[in-house]
Amino acid sequence: MDASQFQLVLLRRMADHQPGLAEQARQRLGFSPAQSREVNKRWQAMVRSPRARGALARYRSVLGPPVTVGPRRLGDVDCQALQWELPLWPELRFEVLAGPGGEVWNAWLVRAPGKVAPVLRTVEDLRPWSCTVDEVAQSFAPVQPMEGTAPTRWQLAFTGPDSTGRVRRYVAEFTWGLLQRLSPSEEGPCPAAP
């Protein structure tokens, strides 16, 4: 498996929310549905194998050398941020955050250094695949992180305006760090930042 095929692994989870976008992306990559299924089958076998390498070694073996490696501080802990370019998302990078022992804490898509993030003023600006978890969190702070439905999924609850100025509470759903969908929430507004 290589970096081009790894993109099919990301698309497999994204297809749960955005099947049309995932299908168009698969076609752009030039893989058939059967090839996509085979790649995902191989990835799952790698992940579940009793002799499986650690997650960081697995990402390195599939994606090759990272384009950037640098320190990152999360709270009181220092970790390492490794980033790879993926042809399907030239504005983004696939980032893995690894702890001091090499264990993977997080793996997701982030905006590439030097690339301009979208301007997110209203909920209409939040289109599928247009922005990352961090970009929504910064634009609509305060946000309330919520548990996702799988390890590669995140949710953020926030209060934000639509283009008419009406303010409501929403839940944004992300897969591999990329926005998949936005839904109005019936719950009250997010708590204010401390």
N, C-alpha and C. Protein backbone atom coordinates (compact mmCIF):
# COMPACT_ATOMS: atom_id res chain seq x y z
N MET A 1 0.85 -1.18 0.00
CA MET A 1 0.00 0.00 0.00
C MET A 1 0.89 1.24 0.00
N ASP A 2 0.47 2.27 -0.74
CA ASP A 2 1.21 3.52 -0.78
C ASP A 2 0.29 4.69 -0.42
N ALA A 3 0.83 5.91 -0.49
CA ALA A 3 0.06 7.10 -0.09
C ALA A 3 -1.18 7.29 -0.95
N SER A 4 -1.07 7.00 -2.24
CA SER A 4 -2.22 7.15 -3.12
C SER A 4 -3.35 6.22 -2.70
N GLN A 5 -3.00 4.98 -2.38
CA GLN A 5 -3.99 4.02 -1.94
C GLN A 5 -4.53 4.37 -0.54
N PHE A 6 -3.67 4.92 0.31
CA PHE A 6 -4.11 5.28 1.66
C PHE A 6 -5.27 6.27 1.62
N GLN A 7 -5.30 7.11 0.60
CA GLN A 7 -6.42 8.06 0.47
C GLN A 7 -7.75 7.33 0.38
N LEU A 8 -7.75 6.11 -0.18
CA LEU A 8 -8.97 5.31 -0.25
C LEU A 8 -9.45 4.91 1.14
N VAL A 9 -8.50 4.70 2.06
CA VAL A 9 -8.84 4.39 3.45
C VAL A 9 -9.59 5.57 4.06
N LEU A 10 -9.09 6.77 3.82
CA LEU A 10 -9.76 7.97 4.34
C LEU A 10 -11.14 8.11 3.70
N LEU A 11 -11.21 7.89 2.40
CA LEU A 11 -12.49 8.04 1.69
C LEU A 11 -13.52 7.03 2.17
N ARG A 12 -13.09 5.85 2.56
CA ARG A 12 -14.04 4.82 3.01
C ARG A 12 -14.88 5.32 4.18
N ARG A 13 -14.24 5.95 5.15
CA ARG A 13 -14.98 6.48 6.30
C ARG A 13 -15.78 7.73 5.93
N MET A 14 -15.25 8.54 5.04
CA MET A 14 -15.96 9.75 4.63
C MET A 14 -17.21 9.41 3.82
N ALA A 15 -17.19 8.28 3.13
CA ALA A 15 -18.34 7.88 2.31
C ALA A 15 -19.58 7.61 3.15
N ASP A 16 -19.41 7.35 4.43
CA ASP A 16 -20.57 7.15 5.30
C ASP A 16 -21.43 8.41 5.37
N HIS A 17 -20.80 9.58 5.29
CA HIS A 17 -21.52 10.86 5.36
C HIS A 17 -21.66 11.54 4.01
N GLN A 18 -20.66 11.40 3.15
CA GLN A 18 -20.64 12.08 1.86
C GLN A 18 -20.32 11.09 0.73
N PRO A 19 -21.25 10.17 0.45
CA PRO A 19 -20.95 9.16 -0.57
C PRO A 19 -20.67 9.75 -1.95
N GLY A 20 -21.36 10.81 -2.32
CA GLY A 20 -21.15 11.42 -3.64
C GLY A 20 -19.76 12.01 -3.77
N LEU A 21 -19.32 12.77 -2.77
CA LEU A 21 -17.98 13.36 -2.80
C LEU A 21 -16.91 12.27 -2.78
N ALA A 22 -17.12 11.25 -1.96
CA ALA A 22 -16.15 10.16 -1.87
C ALA A 22 -16.05 9.41 -3.20
N GLU A 23 -17.17 9.19 -3.85
CA GLU A 23 -17.17 8.49 -5.15
C GLU A 23 -16.44 9.32 -6.20
N GLN A 24 -16.70 10.62 -6.24
CA GLN A 24 -16.00 11.48 -7.21
C GLN A 24 -14.49 11.46 -6.95
N ALA A 25 -14.11 11.49 -5.68
CA ALA A 25 -12.68 11.48 -5.33
C ALA A 25 -12.04 10.15 -5.73
N ARG A 26 -12.73 9.05 -5.48
CA ARG A 26 -12.20 7.73 -5.87
C ARG A 26 -11.96 7.68 -7.38
N GLN A 27 -12.91 8.21 -8.14
CA GLN A 27 -12.77 8.22 -9.59
C GLN A 27 -11.59 9.09 -10.02
N ARG A 28 -11.41 10.25 -9.36
CA ARG A 28 -10.25 11.11 -9.68
C ARG A 28 -8.94 10.39 -9.42
N LEU A 29 -8.92 9.56 -8.40
CA LEU A 29 -7.71 8.81 -8.08
C LEU A 29 -7.45 7.68 -9.08
N GLY A 30 -8.49 7.28 -9.82
CA GLY A 30 -8.33 6.25 -10.84
C GLY A 30 -8.44 4.83 -10.33
N PHE A 31 -9.10 4.63 -9.19
CA PHE A 31 -9.28 3.29 -8.65
C PHE A 31 -10.71 2.83 -8.88
N SER A 32 -10.88 1.55 -9.10
CA SER A 32 -12.21 0.96 -9.26
C SER A 32 -12.80 0.70 -7.87
N PRO A 33 -14.11 0.49 -7.78
CA PRO A 33 -14.70 0.12 -6.48
C PRO A 33 -14.07 -1.15 -5.90
N ALA A 34 -13.77 -2.13 -6.77
CA ALA A 34 -13.16 -3.38 -6.29
C ALA A 34 -11.76 -3.10 -5.71
N GLN A 35 -10.99 -2.25 -6.38
CA GLN A 35 -9.66 -1.91 -5.86
C GLN A 35 -9.77 -1.18 -4.53
N SER A 36 -10.75 -0.31 -4.42
CA SER A 36 -10.96 0.42 -3.17
C SER A 36 -11.28 -0.55 -2.04
N ARG A 37 -12.17 -1.50 -2.30
CA ARG A 37 -12.51 -2.50 -1.27
C ARG A 37 -11.27 -3.31 -0.87
N GLU A 38 -10.45 -3.68 -1.85
CA GLU A 38 -9.25 -4.46 -1.56
C GLU A 38 -8.26 -3.67 -0.70
N VAL A 39 -8.07 -2.41 -1.02
CA VAL A 39 -7.17 -1.56 -0.23
C VAL A 39 -7.67 -1.46 1.21
N ASN A 40 -8.96 -1.24 1.39
CA ASN A 40 -9.50 -1.13 2.74
C ASN A 40 -9.39 -2.46 3.49
N LYS A 41 -9.56 -3.55 2.78
CA LYS A 41 -9.41 -4.87 3.39
C LYS A 41 -7.96 -5.06 3.87
N ARG A 42 -6.99 -4.66 3.05
CA ARG A 42 -5.57 -4.77 3.44
C ARG A 42 -5.26 -3.87 4.64
N TRP A 43 -5.82 -2.65 4.63
CA TRP A 43 -5.59 -1.73 5.75
C TRP A 43 -6.14 -2.33 7.05
N GLN A 44 -7.35 -2.83 7.02
CA GLN A 44 -7.94 -3.43 8.21
C GLN A 44 -7.13 -4.63 8.69
N ALA A 45 -6.61 -5.41 7.76
CA ALA A 45 -5.76 -6.55 8.13
C ALA A 45 -4.49 -6.07 8.81
N MET A 46 -3.91 -4.98 8.31
CA MET A 46 -2.71 -4.41 8.94
C MET A 46 -3.01 -3.93 10.35
N VAL A 47 -4.15 -3.27 10.52
CA VAL A 47 -4.51 -2.72 11.83
C VAL A 47 -4.79 -3.83 12.84
N ARG A 48 -5.45 -4.88 12.39
CA ARG A 48 -5.92 -5.93 13.31
C ARG A 48 -4.96 -7.12 13.47
N SER A 49 -3.90 -7.13 12.71
CA SER A 49 -2.96 -8.25 12.77
C SER A 49 -2.34 -8.37 14.16
N PRO A 50 -2.22 -9.61 14.67
CA PRO A 50 -1.59 -9.78 15.98
C PRO A 50 -0.11 -9.37 15.96
N ARG A 51 0.48 -9.37 14.77
CA ARG A 51 1.89 -8.95 14.63
C ARG A 51 1.97 -7.51 14.11
N ALA A 52 0.89 -6.77 14.26
CA ALA A 52 0.83 -5.41 13.70
C ALA A 52 1.92 -4.53 14.31
N ARG A 53 2.48 -3.71 13.46
CA ARG A 53 3.40 -2.68 13.93
C ARG A 53 2.59 -1.65 14.70
N GLY A 54 3.25 -0.81 15.43
CA GLY A 54 2.56 0.29 16.07
C GLY A 54 1.97 1.21 15.01
N ALA A 55 0.98 2.01 15.42
CA ALA A 55 0.29 2.87 14.46
C ALA A 55 1.24 3.83 13.75
N LEU A 56 2.20 4.40 14.47
CA LEU A 56 3.13 5.34 13.84
C LEU A 56 3.97 4.63 12.77
N ALA A 57 4.47 3.45 13.07
CA ALA A 57 5.25 2.69 12.08
C ALA A 57 4.39 2.34 10.87
N ARG A 58 3.13 2.04 11.12
CA ARG A 58 2.21 1.71 10.01
C ARG A 58 2.03 2.91 9.10
N TYR A 59 1.77 4.10 9.68
CA TYR A 59 1.63 5.29 8.85
C TYR A 59 2.91 5.58 8.07
N ARG A 60 4.06 5.45 8.71
CA ARG A 60 5.33 5.70 8.02
C ARG A 60 5.55 4.72 6.88
N SER A 61 5.20 3.44 7.09
CA SER A 61 5.44 2.45 6.05
C SER A 61 4.53 2.69 4.84
N VAL A 62 3.32 3.18 5.07
CA VAL A 62 2.37 3.41 3.98
C VAL A 62 2.62 4.76 3.31
N LEU A 63 2.88 5.80 4.12
CA LEU A 63 2.97 7.16 3.58
C LEU A 63 4.40 7.59 3.25
N GLY A 64 5.38 6.83 3.70
CA GLY A 64 6.77 7.20 3.45
C GLY A 64 7.25 8.24 4.44
N PRO A 65 8.37 8.89 4.15
CA PRO A 65 8.89 9.91 5.07
C PRO A 65 7.94 11.11 5.12
N PRO A 66 7.68 11.64 6.32
CA PRO A 66 6.82 12.83 6.41
C PRO A 66 7.50 14.04 5.79
N VAL A 67 6.69 14.98 5.29
CA VAL A 67 7.26 16.22 4.72
C VAL A 67 7.70 17.17 5.83
N THR A 68 7.07 17.08 6.98
CA THR A 68 7.51 17.87 8.13
C THR A 68 7.38 17.02 9.40
N VAL A 69 8.30 17.26 10.31
CA VAL A 69 8.27 16.66 11.64
C VAL A 69 8.67 17.77 12.60
N GLY A 70 7.88 17.97 13.64
CA GLY A 70 8.21 19.02 14.58
C GLY A 70 7.56 18.79 15.93
N PRO A 71 8.08 19.48 16.93
CA PRO A 71 7.51 19.33 18.28
C PRO A 71 6.16 20.04 18.37
N ARG A 72 5.32 19.52 19.23
CA ARG A 72 4.02 20.13 19.49
C ARG A 72 3.75 19.96 20.98
N ARG A 73 3.20 20.96 21.60
CA ARG A 73 2.86 20.89 23.02
C ARG A 73 1.36 20.77 23.16
N LEU A 74 0.90 19.73 23.87
CA LEU A 74 -0.52 19.54 24.16
C LEU A 74 -0.68 19.57 25.67
N GLY A 75 -1.17 20.69 26.17
CA GLY A 75 -1.28 20.83 27.62
C GLY A 75 0.10 20.81 28.24
N ASP A 76 0.34 19.82 29.10
CA ASP A 76 1.64 19.70 29.77
C ASP A 76 2.57 18.69 29.12
N VAL A 77 2.16 18.15 27.98
CA VAL A 77 2.92 17.06 27.37
C VAL A 77 3.47 17.48 26.01
N ASP A 78 4.72 17.14 25.78
CA ASP A 78 5.33 17.37 24.48
C ASP A 78 5.07 16.15 23.59
N CYS A 79 4.75 16.42 22.35
CA CYS A 79 4.57 15.33 21.40
C CYS A 79 5.23 15.73 20.08
N GLN A 80 5.14 14.86 19.12
CA GLN A 80 5.73 15.09 17.81
C GLN A 80 4.61 15.13 16.78
N ALA A 81 4.64 16.13 15.92
CA ALA A 81 3.66 16.25 14.84
C ALA A 81 4.35 15.89 13.52
N LEU A 82 3.83 14.87 12.87
CA LEU A 82 4.35 14.43 11.57
C LEU A 82 3.28 14.71 10.53
N GLN A 83 3.67 15.28 9.38
CA GLN A 83 2.70 15.62 8.35
C GLN A 83 3.13 15.07 6.99
N TRP A 84 2.11 14.61 6.24
CA TRP A 84 2.32 14.10 4.90
C TRP A 84 1.39 14.81 3.92
N GLU A 85 1.85 15.00 2.70
CA GLU A 85 1.01 15.54 1.63
C GLU A 85 0.21 14.41 1.01
N LEU A 86 -1.04 14.70 0.66
CA LEU A 86 -1.89 13.74 -0.05
C LEU A 86 -2.43 14.44 -1.29
N PRO A 87 -2.24 13.86 -2.47
CA PRO A 87 -2.65 14.52 -3.72
C PRO A 87 -4.12 14.92 -3.77
N LEU A 88 -4.98 14.17 -3.14
CA LEU A 88 -6.41 14.44 -3.19
C LEU A 88 -6.77 15.76 -2.51
N TRP A 89 -6.01 16.14 -1.50
CA TRP A 89 -6.27 17.38 -0.75
C TRP A 89 -4.99 18.22 -0.71
N PRO A 90 -4.66 18.91 -1.80
CA PRO A 90 -3.39 19.67 -1.84
C PRO A 90 -3.32 20.82 -0.83
N GLU A 91 -4.47 21.29 -0.35
CA GLU A 91 -4.49 22.39 0.63
C GLU A 91 -4.31 21.88 2.06
N LEU A 92 -4.34 20.57 2.22
CA LEU A 92 -4.29 19.97 3.55
C LEU A 92 -3.08 19.07 3.69
N ARG A 93 -2.83 18.65 4.91
CA ARG A 93 -1.83 17.64 5.19
C ARG A 93 -2.44 16.60 6.13
N PHE A 94 -1.99 15.37 5.99
CA PHE A 94 -2.39 14.34 6.94
C PHE A 94 -1.41 14.42 8.10
N GLU A 95 -1.92 14.68 9.30
CA GLU A 95 -1.08 14.89 10.47
C GLU A 95 -1.29 13.79 11.49
N VAL A 96 -0.17 13.29 12.02
CA VAL A 96 -0.19 12.32 13.10
C VAL A 96 0.51 12.95 14.29
N LEU A 97 -0.16 12.94 15.44
CA LEU A 97 0.45 13.40 16.68
C LEU A 97 0.87 12.19 17.48
N ALA A 98 2.16 12.10 17.78
CA ALA A 98 2.70 10.95 18.49
C ALA A 98 3.26 11.38 19.83
N GLY A 99 2.97 10.59 20.85
CA GLY A 99 3.45 10.87 22.19
C GLY A 99 4.92 10.54 22.35
N PRO A 100 5.46 10.80 23.55
CA PRO A 100 6.89 10.57 23.79
C PRO A 100 7.34 9.15 23.51
N GLY A 101 6.47 8.16 23.70
CA GLY A 101 6.84 6.76 23.44
C GLY A 101 6.55 6.31 22.03
N GLY A 102 6.09 7.24 21.16
CA GLY A 102 5.78 6.89 19.78
C GLY A 102 4.34 6.46 19.56
N GLU A 103 3.53 6.39 20.63
CA GLU A 103 2.14 6.02 20.45
C GLU A 103 1.39 7.15 19.74
N VAL A 104 0.47 6.79 18.87
CA VAL A 104 -0.29 7.79 18.10
C VAL A 104 -1.47 8.26 18.94
N TRP A 105 -1.54 9.56 19.15
CA TRP A 105 -2.63 10.16 19.91
C TRP A 105 -3.75 10.63 18.99
N ASN A 106 -3.37 11.04 17.79
CA ASN A 106 -4.37 11.58 16.88
C ASN A 106 -3.85 11.48 15.45
N ALA A 107 -4.77 11.32 14.50
CA ALA A 107 -4.42 11.28 13.08
C ALA A 107 -5.57 11.90 12.32
N TRP A 108 -5.29 13.01 11.59
CA TRP A 108 -6.35 13.71 10.90
C TRP A 108 -5.79 14.67 9.87
N LEU A 109 -6.68 15.25 9.08
CA LEU A 109 -6.30 16.24 8.08
C LEU A 109 -6.31 17.63 8.72
N VAL A 110 -5.26 18.40 8.42
CA VAL A 110 -5.13 19.77 8.90
C VAL A 110 -4.74 20.66 7.72
N ARG A 111 -4.93 21.95 7.86
CA ARG A 111 -4.54 22.89 6.79
C ARG A 111 -3.02 22.88 6.65
N ALA A 112 -2.53 22.82 5.44
CA ALA A 112 -1.09 22.82 5.18
C ALA A 112 -0.50 24.19 5.50
N PRO A 113 0.74 24.21 6.00
CA PRO A 113 1.39 25.49 6.28
C PRO A 113 1.43 26.36 5.02
N GLY A 114 1.11 27.63 5.20
CA GLY A 114 1.14 28.57 4.09
C GLY A 114 -0.12 28.60 3.25
N LYS A 115 -1.04 27.67 3.47
CA LYS A 115 -2.30 27.65 2.73
C LYS A 115 -3.34 28.45 3.52
N VAL A 116 -4.16 29.17 2.81
CA VAL A 116 -5.14 30.05 3.44
C VAL A 116 -6.38 29.26 3.84
N ALA A 117 -6.74 29.37 5.09
CA ALA A 117 -7.96 28.72 5.58
C ALA A 117 -9.18 29.47 5.07
N PRO A 118 -10.31 28.80 4.89
CA PRO A 118 -11.51 29.49 4.44
C PRO A 118 -12.03 30.45 5.51
N VAL A 119 -12.69 31.50 5.07
CA VAL A 119 -13.32 32.43 6.01
C VAL A 119 -14.66 31.82 6.40
N LEU A 120 -14.83 31.61 7.69
CA LEU A 120 -16.03 30.96 8.21
C LEU A 120 -16.77 31.95 9.11
N ARG A 121 -17.75 32.64 8.53
CA ARG A 121 -18.52 33.63 9.31
C ARG A 121 -19.90 33.14 9.68
N THR A 122 -20.53 32.40 8.76
CA THR A 122 -21.88 31.89 9.00
C THR A 122 -21.88 30.39 8.77
N VAL A 123 -22.95 29.74 9.19
CA VAL A 123 -23.02 28.29 9.02
C VAL A 123 -23.09 27.90 7.54
N GLU A 124 -23.53 28.79 6.68
CA GLU A 124 -23.54 28.48 5.24
C GLU A 124 -22.11 28.33 4.69
N ASP A 125 -21.13 28.90 5.39
CA ASP A 125 -19.74 28.76 4.97
C ASP A 125 -19.19 27.36 5.26
N LEU A 126 -19.91 26.61 6.08
CA LEU A 126 -19.45 25.28 6.49
C LEU A 126 -19.97 24.22 5.52
N ARG A 127 -19.29 24.11 4.40
CA ARG A 127 -19.66 23.14 3.38
C ARG A 127 -18.82 21.86 3.56
N PRO A 128 -19.38 20.71 3.22
CA PRO A 128 -18.61 19.46 3.36
C PRO A 128 -17.26 19.55 2.68
N TRP A 129 -16.25 19.07 3.38
CA TRP A 129 -14.87 18.97 2.94
C TRP A 129 -14.20 20.33 2.78
N SER A 130 -14.80 21.40 3.30
CA SER A 130 -14.23 22.74 3.11
C SER A 130 -13.32 23.18 4.24
N CYS A 131 -13.43 22.55 5.41
CA CYS A 131 -12.68 23.05 6.57
C CYS A 131 -12.40 21.92 7.55
N THR A 132 -11.49 22.21 8.47
CA THR A 132 -11.03 21.23 9.44
C THR A 132 -11.63 21.50 10.82
N VAL A 133 -11.41 20.55 11.72
CA VAL A 133 -11.88 20.69 13.10
C VAL A 133 -11.36 21.99 13.71
N ASP A 134 -10.05 22.22 13.61
CA ASP A 134 -9.46 23.42 14.21
C ASP A 134 -10.04 24.71 13.64
N GLU A 135 -10.30 24.73 12.35
CA GLU A 135 -10.82 25.95 11.71
C GLU A 135 -12.23 26.26 12.20
N VAL A 136 -13.06 25.25 12.36
CA VAL A 136 -14.41 25.48 12.89
C VAL A 136 -14.32 25.90 14.35
N ALA A 137 -13.47 25.24 15.12
CA ALA A 137 -13.33 25.57 16.54
C ALA A 137 -12.88 27.02 16.73
N GLN A 138 -11.96 27.48 15.91
CA GLN A 138 -11.47 28.86 16.04
C GLN A 138 -12.50 29.87 15.56
N SER A 139 -13.24 29.55 14.52
CA SER A 139 -14.19 30.50 13.94
C SER A 139 -15.47 30.63 14.75
N PHE A 140 -15.88 29.58 15.44
CA PHE A 140 -17.16 29.59 16.15
C PHE A 140 -16.99 29.34 17.65
N ALA A 141 -15.84 29.74 18.21
CA ALA A 141 -15.60 29.57 19.64
C ALA A 141 -16.64 30.36 20.45
N PRO A 142 -17.03 29.84 21.61
CA PRO A 142 -16.59 28.59 22.20
C PRO A 142 -17.33 27.40 21.58
N VAL A 143 -16.64 26.29 21.53
CA VAL A 143 -17.24 25.06 21.02
C VAL A 143 -17.23 24.02 22.13
N GLN A 144 -18.07 23.04 21.96
CA GLN A 144 -18.12 21.93 22.91
C GLN A 144 -17.78 20.66 22.16
N PRO A 145 -16.57 20.09 22.41
CA PRO A 145 -16.24 18.82 21.75
C PRO A 145 -17.17 17.72 22.24
N MET A 146 -17.56 16.87 21.32
CA MET A 146 -18.44 15.76 21.65
C MET A 146 -17.82 14.47 21.12
N GLU A 147 -18.18 13.37 21.72
CA GLU A 147 -17.63 12.09 21.28
C GLU A 147 -18.18 11.74 19.90
N GLY A 148 -17.31 11.28 19.03
CA GLY A 148 -17.72 10.85 17.70
C GLY A 148 -18.22 9.42 17.73
N THR A 149 -18.67 8.93 16.60
CA THR A 149 -19.23 7.59 16.52
C THR A 149 -18.18 6.53 16.19
N ALA A 150 -16.95 6.95 15.93
CA ALA A 150 -15.85 6.02 15.63
C ALA A 150 -14.55 6.75 15.96
N PRO A 151 -13.43 6.01 16.09
CA PRO A 151 -12.16 6.67 16.43
C PRO A 151 -11.72 7.74 15.45
N THR A 152 -12.13 7.67 14.20
CA THR A 152 -11.70 8.66 13.20
C THR A 152 -12.70 9.81 13.07
N ARG A 153 -13.68 9.87 13.96
CA ARG A 153 -14.74 10.88 13.85
C ARG A 153 -14.77 11.78 15.08
N TRP A 154 -15.06 13.05 14.82
CA TRP A 154 -15.18 14.05 15.88
C TRP A 154 -16.46 14.83 15.66
N GLN A 155 -16.95 15.43 16.75
CA GLN A 155 -18.10 16.32 16.67
C GLN A 155 -17.81 17.56 17.51
N LEU A 156 -18.29 18.69 17.02
CA LEU A 156 -18.22 19.94 17.77
C LEU A 156 -19.62 20.54 17.82
N ALA A 157 -20.06 20.91 19.01
CA ALA A 157 -21.31 21.66 19.16
C ALA A 157 -20.93 23.13 19.35
N PHE A 158 -21.69 24.00 18.73
CA PHE A 158 -21.41 25.44 18.85
C PHE A 158 -22.67 26.22 18.51
N THR A 159 -22.64 27.48 18.88
CA THR A 159 -23.73 28.39 18.53
C THR A 159 -23.19 29.34 17.48
N GLY A 160 -23.93 29.48 16.36
CA GLY A 160 -23.46 30.34 15.29
C GLY A 160 -24.60 30.90 14.47
N PRO A 161 -24.32 31.97 13.72
CA PRO A 161 -25.35 32.62 12.91
C PRO A 161 -25.46 32.01 11.52
N ASP A 162 -26.67 32.10 10.95
CA ASP A 162 -26.81 31.80 9.53
C ASP A 162 -26.70 33.12 8.77
N SER A 163 -26.89 33.09 7.46
CA SER A 163 -26.70 34.30 6.64
C SER A 163 -27.75 35.37 6.92
N THR A 164 -28.85 35.00 7.57
CA THR A 164 -29.88 36.00 7.90
C THR A 164 -29.64 36.62 9.28
N GLY A 165 -28.64 36.10 10.00
CA GLY A 165 -28.35 36.60 11.33
C GLY A 165 -28.98 35.78 12.45
N ARG A 166 -29.80 34.80 12.09
CA ARG A 166 -30.41 33.95 13.11
C ARG A 166 -29.34 33.07 13.75
N VAL A 167 -29.30 33.07 15.06
CA VAL A 167 -28.30 32.31 15.80
C VAL A 167 -28.95 31.06 16.38
N ARG A 168 -28.31 29.92 16.11
CA ARG A 168 -28.80 28.63 16.60
C ARG A 168 -27.62 27.78 17.04
N ARG A 169 -27.95 26.71 17.68
CA ARG A 169 -26.93 25.72 18.07
C ARG A 169 -26.84 24.67 16.97
N TYR A 170 -25.61 24.26 16.65
CA TYR A 170 -25.36 23.28 15.61
C TYR A 170 -24.38 22.22 16.11
N VAL A 171 -24.37 21.10 15.42
CA VAL A 171 -23.37 20.07 15.64
C VAL A 171 -22.69 19.83 14.30
N ALA A 172 -21.37 20.01 14.28
CA ALA A 172 -20.56 19.74 13.09
C ALA A 172 -19.91 18.37 13.26
N GLU A 173 -19.99 17.55 12.22
CA GLU A 173 -19.41 16.21 12.25
C GLU A 173 -18.21 16.14 11.30
N PHE A 174 -17.15 15.55 11.78
CA PHE A 174 -15.89 15.46 11.04
C PHE A 174 -15.45 14.01 10.94
N THR A 175 -14.83 13.66 9.83
CA THR A 175 -14.18 12.37 9.66
C THR A 175 -12.74 12.64 9.23
N TRP A 176 -11.81 12.03 9.93
CA TRP A 176 -10.39 12.26 9.68
C TRP A 176 -10.08 13.77 9.73
N GLY A 177 -10.82 14.52 10.55
CA GLY A 177 -10.56 15.95 10.74
C GLY A 177 -11.20 16.87 9.73
N LEU A 178 -11.87 16.34 8.71
CA LEU A 178 -12.47 17.13 7.64
C LEU A 178 -13.99 17.19 7.83
N LEU A 179 -14.56 18.39 7.70
CA LEU A 179 -16.00 18.55 7.91
C LEU A 179 -16.79 17.68 6.93
N GLN A 180 -17.76 16.95 7.46
CA GLN A 180 -18.63 16.11 6.65
C GLN A 180 -20.04 16.66 6.57
N ARG A 181 -20.60 17.07 7.72
CA ARG A 181 -21.95 17.62 7.69
C ARG A 181 -22.20 18.46 8.93
N LEU A 182 -23.23 19.28 8.82
CA LEU A 182 -23.64 20.19 9.88
C LEU A 182 -25.12 20.00 10.11
N SER A 183 -25.51 19.88 11.37
CA SER A 183 -26.93 19.68 11.71
C SER A 183 -27.34 20.64 12.79
N PRO A 184 -28.56 21.21 12.69
CA PRO A 184 -29.08 22.01 13.81
C PRO A 184 -29.28 21.11 15.02
N SER A 185 -29.07 21.66 16.20
CA SER A 185 -29.25 20.91 17.43
C SER A 185 -30.40 21.52 18.21
N GLU A 186 -31.17 20.69 18.88
CA GLU A 186 -32.30 21.16 19.67
C GLU A 186 -31.88 21.59 21.07
N GLU A 187 -30.65 21.28 21.43
CA GLU A 187 -30.18 21.65 22.77
C GLU A 187 -29.92 23.14 22.83
N GLY A 188 -29.77 23.64 24.05
CA GLY A 188 -29.52 25.07 24.26
C GLY A 188 -28.15 25.49 23.77
N PRO A 189 -27.81 26.77 23.93
CA PRO A 189 -26.53 27.28 23.46
C PRO A 189 -25.36 26.67 24.23
N CYS A 190 -24.20 26.70 23.61
CA CYS A 190 -22.99 26.20 24.25
C CYS A 190 -22.67 27.08 25.45
N PRO A 191 -22.04 26.50 26.47
CA PRO A 191 -21.64 27.33 27.59
C PRO A 191 -20.58 28.34 27.17
N ALA A 192 -20.57 29.48 27.84
CA ALA A 192 -19.59 30.51 27.54
C ALA A 192 -18.20 30.03 27.94
N ALA A 193 -17.20 30.54 27.27
CA ALA A 193 -15.82 30.19 27.60
C ALA A 193 -15.49 30.74 28.98
N PRO A 194 -14.68 29.99 29.76
CA PRO A 194 -14.32 30.47 31.10
C PRO A 194 -13.43 31.68 31.02
